[in-house]
Amino acid sequence: MTKNALSHGKGERILVLAPTGRDGSAACALLEQAGLSCRPCSRLDELQRELESGAGAAVIAEEAFLGAGAVPLFSFVSNQPPCSDLPFVILTTRRDDPKVRRYTLGLIDKLRNVTLQERPIQTVTLVSAVQAALRARLRQYEAAKYLLEREQAASRLEELVRERTGQLQEANDHLTAAQEAPSTWQLAACGSAPGRVVGSDDNICSHPLCRLSVPLRDYQPRRLAVFPVSARVAYG
């Protein structure tokens, strides 16, 4: 399941592998009449290459697995991403042989998402099975898209948090530096002349104003009572 496969329309195509006679081309013709995009394959290795490029489902006749190396295909299935589970439609033939049944059960276990269709199969049955498989595949695409969008949103949020944290840290550093530096009124209270550098011998906090428990802006000097001149003359 890749983004390129979806963007080039390969994510919805149906791959058909039926190596006996004209089964592959006939199945593709039926599926295309139903409005589905189809791609016939002649061997398992070709099918695997096409699956890696993208597919909505795969229709495979069971005889395609006989005498052929299917291990790479099984490896492809087992290495799919967590949100991908490619559906397979396997065309089988009725047999009562226990060995054949065990082999079929082994295919189901290795291919995981399998629908069995017994031949001879009606056209409507095949088309319905493939359409159901494709709908399931499209839901997987939607889930993968949703998860990708969530990951991208989480990444953007982390970046914003880091940026905001840096801004707050910078503002806090400026505030701390301003609080630690001697203010103008402290230098004036200690008798420091403008432009004079305070040395290690200067005790900035020796002046009474430096020991005020309230900020200087809140300090209100006491007002002296002013008596009228006439009163001082009367009692003079």
Protein backbone atom coordinates (compact mmCIF):
# COMPACT_ATOMS: atom_id res chain seq x y z
CA MET A 1 0.00 0.00 0.00
CA THR A 2 1.87 3.04 -1.23
CA LYS A 3 1.00 6.67 -1.89
CA ASN A 4 2.38 6.41 -5.45
CA ALA A 5 0.12 3.45 -6.18
CA LEU A 6 -2.93 5.45 -5.18
CA SER A 7 -1.89 8.59 -7.05
CA HIS A 8 -1.39 6.57 -10.29
CA GLY A 9 -4.69 4.67 -9.91
CA LYS A 10 -2.99 1.29 -9.28
CA GLY A 11 -4.40 0.96 -5.78
CA GLU A 12 -7.85 -0.04 -7.09
CA ARG A 13 -6.94 -2.44 -9.88
CA ILE A 14 -7.65 -6.17 -9.72
CA LEU A 15 -4.79 -8.56 -10.48
CA VAL A 16 -5.81 -11.92 -12.01
CA LEU A 17 -3.56 -14.99 -12.10
CA ALA A 18 -5.09 -18.01 -13.85
CA PRO A 19 -2.33 -19.76 -15.81
CA THR A 20 -4.51 -22.50 -17.34
CA GLY A 21 -5.95 -21.76 -20.77
CA ARG A 22 -7.81 -18.49 -21.17
CA ASP A 23 -9.12 -18.29 -17.62
CA GLY A 24 -7.14 -15.16 -16.86
CA SER A 25 -8.26 -13.14 -19.86
CA ALA A 26 -11.84 -14.38 -19.50
CA ALA A 27 -11.96 -13.36 -15.83
CA CYS A 28 -10.52 -9.93 -16.67
CA ALA A 29 -13.13 -9.43 -19.37
CA LEU A 30 -15.93 -10.20 -16.89
CA LEU A 31 -14.52 -7.84 -14.29
CA GLU A 32 -13.97 -5.03 -16.77
CA GLN A 33 -17.58 -5.34 -17.93
CA ALA A 34 -18.54 -4.65 -14.31
CA GLY A 35 -16.50 -1.43 -14.40
CA LEU A 36 -13.43 -2.74 -12.59
CA SER A 37 -9.83 -2.11 -13.61
CA CYS A 38 -8.07 -5.43 -14.24
CA ARG A 39 -4.53 -6.61 -14.95
CA PRO A 40 -3.83 -10.27 -15.99
CA CYS A 41 -0.66 -11.99 -14.78
CA SER A 42 0.92 -15.19 -16.05
CA ARG A 43 3.20 -16.21 -13.14
CA LEU A 44 3.45 -15.75 -9.41
CA ASP A 45 6.61 -13.65 -9.64
CA GLU A 46 4.86 -11.29 -12.07
CA LEU A 47 1.90 -11.10 -9.70
CA GLN A 48 4.17 -10.20 -6.83
CA ARG A 49 5.85 -7.38 -8.77
CA GLU A 50 2.47 -5.95 -9.65
CA LEU A 51 1.31 -6.22 -6.04
CA GLU A 52 4.30 -4.16 -4.94
CA SER A 53 3.20 -1.45 -7.38
CA GLY A 54 -0.30 -1.44 -5.89
CA ALA A 55 -3.53 -3.42 -6.14
CA GLY A 56 -7.02 -3.46 -4.72
CA ALA A 57 -7.35 -7.26 -4.72
CA ALA A 58 -5.96 -10.38 -6.37
CA VAL A 59 -7.87 -13.23 -8.03
CA ILE A 60 -5.79 -16.41 -8.20
CA ALA A 61 -6.60 -19.89 -9.46
CA GLU A 62 -5.39 -22.49 -6.98
CA GLU A 63 -3.33 -24.36 -9.60
CA ALA A 64 -1.08 -21.30 -9.88
CA PHE A 65 0.50 -22.34 -6.56
CA LEU A 66 1.33 -25.89 -7.69
CA GLY A 67 5.00 -26.42 -8.46
CA ALA A 68 5.80 -22.72 -8.14
CA GLY A 69 7.82 -20.81 -5.58
CA ALA A 70 5.19 -18.95 -3.59
CA VAL A 71 7.51 -18.05 -0.70
CA PRO A 72 8.20 -14.48 -1.98
CA LEU A 73 4.45 -13.87 -2.23
CA PHE A 74 3.89 -15.15 1.30
CA SER A 75 6.73 -12.91 2.48
CA PHE A 76 5.10 -9.92 0.79
CA VAL A 77 1.83 -10.64 2.60
CA SER A 78 3.48 -11.03 6.01
CA ASN A 79 5.48 -7.80 5.60
CA GLN A 80 2.51 -5.57 4.85
CA PRO A 81 2.07 -2.45 6.98
CA PRO A 82 -0.28 -2.76 9.98
CA CYS A 83 -3.11 -0.98 8.15
CA SER A 84 -2.77 -3.13 5.01
CA ASP A 85 -4.39 -6.54 4.49
CA LEU A 86 -4.59 -7.29 0.78
CA PRO A 87 -7.68 -9.40 -0.06
CA PHE A 88 -7.28 -12.55 -2.18
CA VAL A 89 -10.02 -14.39 -4.07
CA ILE A 90 -8.91 -18.00 -4.67
CA LEU A 91 -10.68 -20.01 -7.38
CA THR A 92 -10.87 -23.62 -6.23
CA THR A 93 -12.20 -26.92 -7.60
CA ARG A 94 -14.24 -29.36 -5.53
CA ARG A 95 -12.08 -32.25 -4.35
CA ASP A 96 -12.50 -34.68 -1.49
CA ASP A 97 -8.79 -35.35 -1.14
CA PRO A 98 -7.66 -34.57 2.46
CA LYS A 99 -4.25 -33.46 1.20
CA VAL A 100 -5.84 -30.86 -1.06
CA ARG A 101 -7.95 -29.57 1.81
CA ARG A 102 -4.89 -29.25 4.05
CA TYR A 103 -3.05 -27.44 1.29
CA THR A 104 -5.95 -25.04 0.85
CA LEU A 105 -6.07 -24.37 4.58
CA GLY A 106 -2.33 -23.68 4.46
CA LEU A 107 -2.90 -21.09 1.72
CA ILE A 108 -5.57 -19.39 3.79
CA ASP A 109 -3.23 -19.21 6.77
CA LYS A 110 -0.37 -17.71 4.73
CA LEU A 111 -2.43 -15.31 2.60
CA ARG A 112 -4.56 -14.31 5.63
CA ASN A 113 -7.36 -12.37 3.91
CA VAL A 114 -8.84 -15.04 1.61
CA THR A 115 -12.21 -15.66 -0.01
CA LEU A 116 -12.70 -19.09 -1.64
CA GLN A 117 -14.84 -19.38 -4.76
CA GLU A 118 -15.57 -22.84 -6.10
CA ARG A 119 -15.60 -23.43 -9.86
CA PRO A 120 -17.54 -23.42 -12.04
CA ILE A 121 -18.41 -19.97 -10.78
CA GLN A 122 -21.18 -17.71 -11.97
CA THR A 123 -20.26 -14.30 -13.28
CA VAL A 124 -22.35 -12.43 -10.73
CA THR A 125 -20.77 -14.42 -7.90
CA LEU A 126 -17.23 -13.62 -9.03
CA VAL A 127 -17.98 -9.95 -9.59
CA SER A 128 -19.72 -9.66 -6.22
CA ALA A 129 -16.80 -11.30 -4.40
CA VAL A 130 -14.25 -9.03 -6.08
CA GLN A 131 -16.31 -5.88 -5.42
CA ALA A 132 -16.58 -6.80 -1.73
CA ALA A 133 -12.81 -7.34 -1.58
CA LEU A 134 -12.19 -3.98 -3.25
CA ARG A 135 -14.50 -2.16 -0.83
CA ALA A 136 -12.59 -3.68 2.08
CA ARG A 137 -9.34 -2.53 0.48
CA LEU A 138 -10.63 1.03 0.05
CA ARG A 139 -11.53 1.14 3.73
CA GLN A 140 -7.94 0.19 4.49
CA TYR A 141 -6.77 3.13 2.38
CA GLU A 142 -9.06 5.46 4.32
CA ALA A 143 -7.73 4.16 7.62
CA ALA A 144 -4.13 4.58 6.44
CA LYS A 145 -4.87 8.15 5.31
CA TYR A 146 -6.49 8.97 8.65
CA LEU A 147 -3.53 7.59 10.61
CA LEU A 148 -1.09 9.53 8.43
CA GLU A 149 -3.01 12.77 8.98
CA ARG A 150 -3.00 12.14 12.74
CA GLU A 151 0.75 11.58 12.72
CA GLN A 152 1.30 14.78 10.73
CA ALA A 153 -0.96 16.77 13.08
CA ALA A 154 0.87 15.38 16.11
CA SER A 155 4.20 16.30 14.55
CA ARG A 156 3.03 19.87 13.87
CA LEU A 157 1.74 20.16 17.44
CA GLU A 158 5.07 19.00 18.86
CA GLU A 159 6.87 21.57 16.73
CA LEU A 160 4.56 24.37 17.95
CA VAL A 161 5.05 23.29 21.56
CA ARG A 162 8.84 23.33 21.14
CA GLU A 163 8.69 26.77 19.53
CA ARG A 164 6.42 28.19 22.23
CA THR A 165 8.55 26.66 24.98
CA GLY A 166 11.62 28.33 23.51
CA GLN A 167 9.86 31.71 23.40
CA LEU A 168 8.76 31.38 27.02
CA GLN A 169 12.25 30.37 28.10
CA GLU A 170 13.75 33.35 26.31
CA ALA A 171 11.26 35.72 27.94
CA ASN A 172 11.96 34.18 31.34
CA ASP A 173 15.71 34.60 30.86
CA HIS A 174 15.24 38.31 30.05
CA LEU A 175 13.05 38.76 33.12
CA THR A 176 15.53 37.00 35.39
CA ALA A 177 18.39 39.12 34.05
CA ALA A 178 16.38 42.32 34.62
CA GLN A 179 15.58 41.32 38.19
CA GLU A 180 19.19 40.48 39.02
CA ALA A 181 20.66 43.72 37.58
CA PRO A 182 20.84 46.81 39.99
CA SER A 183 18.13 49.31 39.21
CA THR A 184 18.63 53.07 38.64
CA TRP A 185 17.05 54.10 41.94
CA GLN A 186 19.32 51.74 43.86
CA LEU A 187 22.42 53.28 42.30
CA ALA A 188 21.11 56.80 43.02
CA ALA A 189 20.31 55.92 46.64
CA CYS A 190 23.83 54.64 47.16
CA GLY A 191 25.31 57.90 45.80
CA SER A 192 26.61 56.48 42.59
CA ALA A 193 27.17 59.10 39.95
CA PRO A 194 25.74 58.60 36.49
CA GLY A 195 28.00 56.38 34.52
CA ARG A 196 29.91 55.22 37.62
CA VAL A 197 30.61 51.51 37.72
CA VAL A 198 29.73 49.92 41.03
CA GLY A 199 32.66 47.99 42.39
CA SER A 200 32.96 45.15 44.82
CA ASP A 201 33.44 47.61 47.74
CA ASP A 202 30.09 49.28 47.17
CA ASN A 203 27.32 48.02 49.34
CA ILE A 204 24.22 48.60 47.27
CA CYS A 205 21.89 47.56 50.05
CA SER A 206 23.46 49.76 52.79
CA HIS A 207 21.13 52.71 52.16
CA PRO A 208 17.80 52.68 54.00
CA LEU A 209 15.91 53.01 50.75
CA CYS A 210 17.42 49.70 49.64
CA ARG A 211 15.76 47.97 52.59
CA LEU A 212 12.26 49.10 51.77
CA SER A 213 9.81 46.22 51.86
CA VAL A 214 7.59 47.86 49.25
CA PRO A 215 8.46 48.90 45.70
CA LEU A 216 9.64 52.48 45.29
CA ARG A 217 6.71 53.31 43.06
CA ASP A 218 4.39 52.59 46.00
CA TYR A 219 6.37 54.76 48.45
CA GLN A 220 4.50 57.91 49.51
CA PRO A 221 6.54 60.49 51.54
CA ARG A 222 4.80 62.04 54.54
CA ARG A 223 3.45 65.52 53.94
CA LEU A 224 4.48 68.29 56.33
CA ALA A 225 1.76 70.43 57.80
CA VAL A 226 1.86 73.99 56.49
CA PHE A 227 0.32 76.62 58.79
CA PRO A 228 -0.97 79.98 57.52
CA VAL A 229 1.30 82.97 58.07
CA SER A 230 -1.41 84.74 60.00
CA ALA A 231 -1.45 81.98 62.57
CA ARG A 232 2.32 82.22 63.18
CA VAL A 233 2.04 86.00 63.58
CA ALA A 234 -0.82 85.71 66.05
CA TYR A 235 1.09 83.37 68.28
CA GLY A 236 4.45 85.01 67.67
